[in-house]
Amino acid sequence: MSGLVDASLIVAVIALVVVRQFRTRRMDADRRWWVVPVILAVVALREPGLVDIHHRTESITLLVAELLVGLVTGAGWAWTTRVWAEADGVVWSRSTKASVAVWITGIGLRAGLYALGMALGVHQDTPALLLALAATLLLRAGILHWRTQSPHLTSPQPEPLHPASTPSAHRQTTAYGDGVRLRKECL
């Protein structure tokens, strides 16, 4: 793919993902949570330029660092996303302000890795960024899918004064943002 097409694809995927995740959304709509990350990974692995053949060691080291940053960003994003279930059993999610901080930190670290690669003379192409983005999205979606399967996931209503009087199935799980009231938006 050309550089313009690559850049457009990356911007479109990031815009789609970020806009969707900062809205309150039903989690049952994410049955195929792994599809977009797998497509991005396949596109990245099919493109030439994943590793700079003139600087193999440095290029592979930067790629591994990029993937680690992607995985940490994905995990951080998933754990800072608020997940709750309504009384009818419908599970909802919404990214939080802490999720924004995770994204900003991840972008800053990626920019630092890119600058380091430029300083070392390593040619860095789009496939590495696509692969790291795929890792971010795959880990985030996987953790959120796992979190929605929790048998203790309940409504974000406050705990009663006497917890012993409430069955354990109606207690909240501990997750970032518990106790925060969020409104559902029309999608």
Protein backbone atom coordinates (compact mmCIF):
# COMPACT_ATOMS: atom_id res chain seq x y z
CA MET A 1 0.00 0.00 0.00
CA SER A 2 1.08 3.57 -0.51
CA GLY A 3 2.01 5.78 2.41
CA LEU A 4 -1.14 7.88 2.00
CA VAL A 5 -3.40 4.82 2.02
CA ASP A 6 -1.55 3.43 5.07
CA ALA A 7 -1.87 6.70 6.95
CA SER A 8 -5.56 6.98 6.01
CA LEU A 9 -6.21 3.42 7.19
CA ILE A 10 -4.50 4.01 10.53
CA VAL A 11 -6.29 7.33 11.14
CA ALA A 12 -9.66 5.80 10.18
CA VAL A 13 -9.23 2.78 12.47
CA ILE A 14 -8.06 4.89 15.41
CA ALA A 15 -10.89 7.41 14.92
CA LEU A 16 -13.49 4.64 14.66
CA VAL A 17 -12.19 2.79 17.71
CA VAL A 18 -11.68 5.83 19.93
CA VAL A 19 -15.03 7.43 19.11
CA ARG A 20 -16.87 4.14 19.65
CA GLN A 21 -15.14 3.35 22.94
CA PHE A 22 -15.80 6.71 24.58
CA ARG A 23 -19.53 6.27 24.11
CA THR A 24 -21.61 4.08 26.33
CA ARG A 25 -22.14 0.84 24.39
CA ARG A 26 -23.69 -2.57 24.84
CA MET A 27 -21.08 -5.26 25.13
CA ASP A 28 -23.17 -8.01 23.51
CA ALA A 29 -22.64 -6.27 20.18
CA ASP A 30 -18.95 -7.22 20.42
CA ARG A 31 -19.34 -10.93 19.66
CA ARG A 32 -16.58 -10.77 17.08
CA TRP A 33 -14.24 -8.62 19.17
CA TRP A 34 -11.16 -10.17 17.58
CA VAL A 35 -11.98 -9.53 13.88
CA VAL A 36 -10.62 -5.97 13.43
CA PRO A 37 -7.33 -6.68 15.26
CA VAL A 38 -6.78 -9.87 13.24
CA ILE A 39 -7.43 -8.03 9.95
CA LEU A 40 -4.96 -5.31 10.96
CA ALA A 41 -2.35 -7.92 11.89
CA VAL A 42 -2.79 -9.76 8.58
CA VAL A 43 -2.44 -6.51 6.63
CA ALA A 44 0.68 -5.61 8.64
CA LEU A 45 2.31 -9.01 8.17
CA ARG A 46 1.62 -9.04 4.42
CA GLU A 47 3.27 -5.68 3.83
CA PRO A 48 7.00 -5.40 3.21
CA GLY A 49 9.03 -3.25 5.54
CA LEU A 50 8.14 -4.76 8.90
CA VAL A 51 11.86 -5.16 9.59
CA ASP A 52 14.61 -2.94 8.15
CA ILE A 53 16.97 -5.38 6.41
CA HIS A 54 19.94 -3.01 6.83
CA HIS A 55 19.46 -2.72 10.61
CA ARG A 56 17.89 -6.06 11.58
CA THR A 57 18.81 -6.14 15.27
CA GLU A 58 17.78 -2.55 15.96
CA SER A 59 14.64 -2.92 13.86
CA ILE A 60 13.54 -6.10 15.62
CA THR A 61 14.28 -4.53 19.01
CA LEU A 62 12.16 -1.50 18.13
CA LEU A 63 9.38 -3.77 16.82
CA VAL A 64 9.35 -5.78 20.05
CA ALA A 65 9.32 -2.55 22.08
CA GLU A 66 6.45 -1.24 19.91
CA LEU A 67 4.49 -4.45 20.48
CA LEU A 68 5.11 -4.27 24.24
CA VAL A 69 3.91 -0.66 24.32
CA GLY A 70 0.84 -1.76 22.33
CA LEU A 71 0.10 -4.59 24.76
CA VAL A 72 0.54 -2.39 27.82
CA THR A 73 -1.65 0.30 26.25
CA GLY A 74 -4.34 -2.25 25.43
CA ALA A 75 -4.29 -3.69 28.94
CA GLY A 76 -4.32 -0.25 30.54
CA TRP A 77 -7.17 0.85 28.32
CA ALA A 78 -9.20 -2.27 29.15
CA TRP A 79 -8.71 -1.94 32.90
CA THR A 80 -9.62 1.76 32.90
CA THR A 81 -12.82 1.11 30.96
CA ARG A 82 -15.94 1.09 33.10
CA VAL A 83 -17.99 -2.12 32.71
CA TRP A 84 -21.34 -2.71 34.39
CA ALA A 85 -24.54 -4.72 34.02
CA GLU A 86 -28.06 -3.42 34.25
CA ALA A 87 -30.75 -5.24 36.22
CA ASP A 88 -31.95 -6.90 33.01
CA GLY A 89 -28.49 -8.43 32.48
CA VAL A 90 -27.37 -6.18 29.62
CA VAL A 91 -23.67 -5.36 29.98
CA TRP A 92 -22.45 -1.87 29.12
CA SER A 93 -19.01 -0.29 28.84
CA ARG A 94 -17.49 3.14 28.48
CA SER A 95 -13.91 4.37 28.47
CA THR A 96 -13.00 6.90 31.13
CA LYS A 97 -10.72 9.90 31.56
CA ALA A 98 -8.04 7.50 32.76
CA SER A 99 -8.39 5.72 29.40
CA VAL A 100 -7.50 9.00 27.69
CA ALA A 101 -4.37 9.21 29.83
CA VAL A 102 -3.45 5.66 28.81
CA TRP A 103 -3.87 6.55 25.12
CA ILE A 104 -1.82 9.74 25.44
CA THR A 105 0.96 7.86 27.26
CA GLY A 106 0.95 5.11 24.64
CA ILE A 107 1.15 7.61 21.79
CA GLY A 108 3.98 9.44 23.56
CA LEU A 109 5.93 6.20 24.02
CA ARG A 110 5.40 5.27 20.37
CA ALA A 111 6.60 8.70 19.28
CA GLY A 112 9.68 8.21 21.45
CA LEU A 113 10.37 4.83 19.85
CA TYR A 114 9.97 6.36 16.40
CA ALA A 115 12.42 9.14 17.29
CA LEU A 116 14.87 6.56 18.65
CA GLY A 117 14.60 4.59 15.41
CA MET A 118 15.26 7.73 13.37
CA ALA A 119 18.30 8.52 15.51
CA LEU A 120 19.62 4.98 14.90
CA GLY A 121 18.95 5.26 11.17
CA VAL A 122 16.35 2.49 11.20
CA HIS A 123 13.75 2.71 8.44
CA GLN A 124 10.37 2.32 10.13
CA ASP A 125 7.38 1.61 7.97
CA THR A 126 3.64 1.40 8.58
CA PRO A 127 3.40 -2.38 9.18
CA ALA A 128 5.05 -2.08 12.59
CA LEU A 129 2.52 0.55 13.67
CA LEU A 130 -0.38 -1.53 12.30
CA LEU A 131 0.86 -4.62 14.13
CA ALA A 132 1.19 -2.70 17.41
CA LEU A 133 -2.29 -1.23 16.94
CA ALA A 134 -3.63 -4.73 16.32
CA ALA A 135 -1.96 -5.91 19.56
CA THR A 136 -3.49 -2.97 21.46
CA LEU A 137 -6.98 -3.63 20.16
CA LEU A 138 -6.78 -7.41 20.54
CA LEU A 139 -5.62 -7.31 24.17
CA ARG A 140 -8.10 -4.59 25.11
CA ALA A 141 -11.02 -6.41 23.52
CA GLY A 142 -9.95 -9.73 25.02
CA ILE A 143 -9.72 -8.32 28.54
CA LEU A 144 -13.07 -6.54 28.18
CA HIS A 145 -14.68 -9.74 26.87
CA TRP A 146 -13.22 -11.62 29.84
CA ARG A 147 -14.45 -8.94 32.25
CA THR A 148 -17.99 -9.16 30.87
CA GLN A 149 -18.05 -12.88 31.62
CA SER A 150 -17.59 -12.21 35.36
CA PRO A 151 -20.38 -13.83 37.40
CA HIS A 152 -20.13 -10.93 39.88
CA LEU A 153 -20.75 -8.17 37.33
CA THR A 154 -23.84 -6.29 38.48
CA SER A 155 -25.66 -3.01 38.34
CA PRO A 156 -23.68 0.07 39.38
CA GLN A 157 -26.01 0.72 42.29
CA PRO A 158 -24.46 1.47 45.69
CA GLU A 159 -23.91 -1.37 48.14
CA PRO A 160 -26.50 -1.70 50.93
CA LEU A 161 -25.50 -0.65 54.43
CA HIS A 162 -25.52 -4.28 55.57
CA PRO A 163 -23.68 -6.35 52.93
CA ALA A 164 -24.55 -9.60 54.72
CA SER A 165 -28.22 -9.03 53.90
CA THR A 166 -27.56 -9.06 50.15
CA PRO A 167 -26.78 -12.20 48.17
CA SER A 168 -23.25 -12.15 46.74
CA ALA A 169 -24.64 -12.25 43.19
CA HIS A 170 -25.85 -8.66 43.65
CA ARG A 171 -22.54 -7.19 44.78
CA GLN A 172 -20.36 -5.17 42.47
CA THR A 173 -17.01 -6.29 41.22
CA THR A 174 -14.11 -4.03 41.92
CA ALA A 175 -13.15 -2.22 38.76
CA TYR A 176 -11.93 1.22 37.87
CA GLY A 177 -14.84 3.66 38.00
CA ASP A 178 -17.14 1.73 40.35
CA GLY A 179 -19.80 3.96 41.80
CA VAL A 180 -19.69 6.34 38.82
CA ARG A 181 -23.11 6.92 37.28
CA LEU A 182 -22.99 6.98 33.49
CA ARG A 183 -25.85 7.69 31.15
CA LYS A 184 -26.49 5.63 28.08
CA GLU A 185 -26.31 7.48 24.80
CA CYS A 186 -28.35 6.63 21.76
CA LEU A 187 -26.09 5.02 19.20
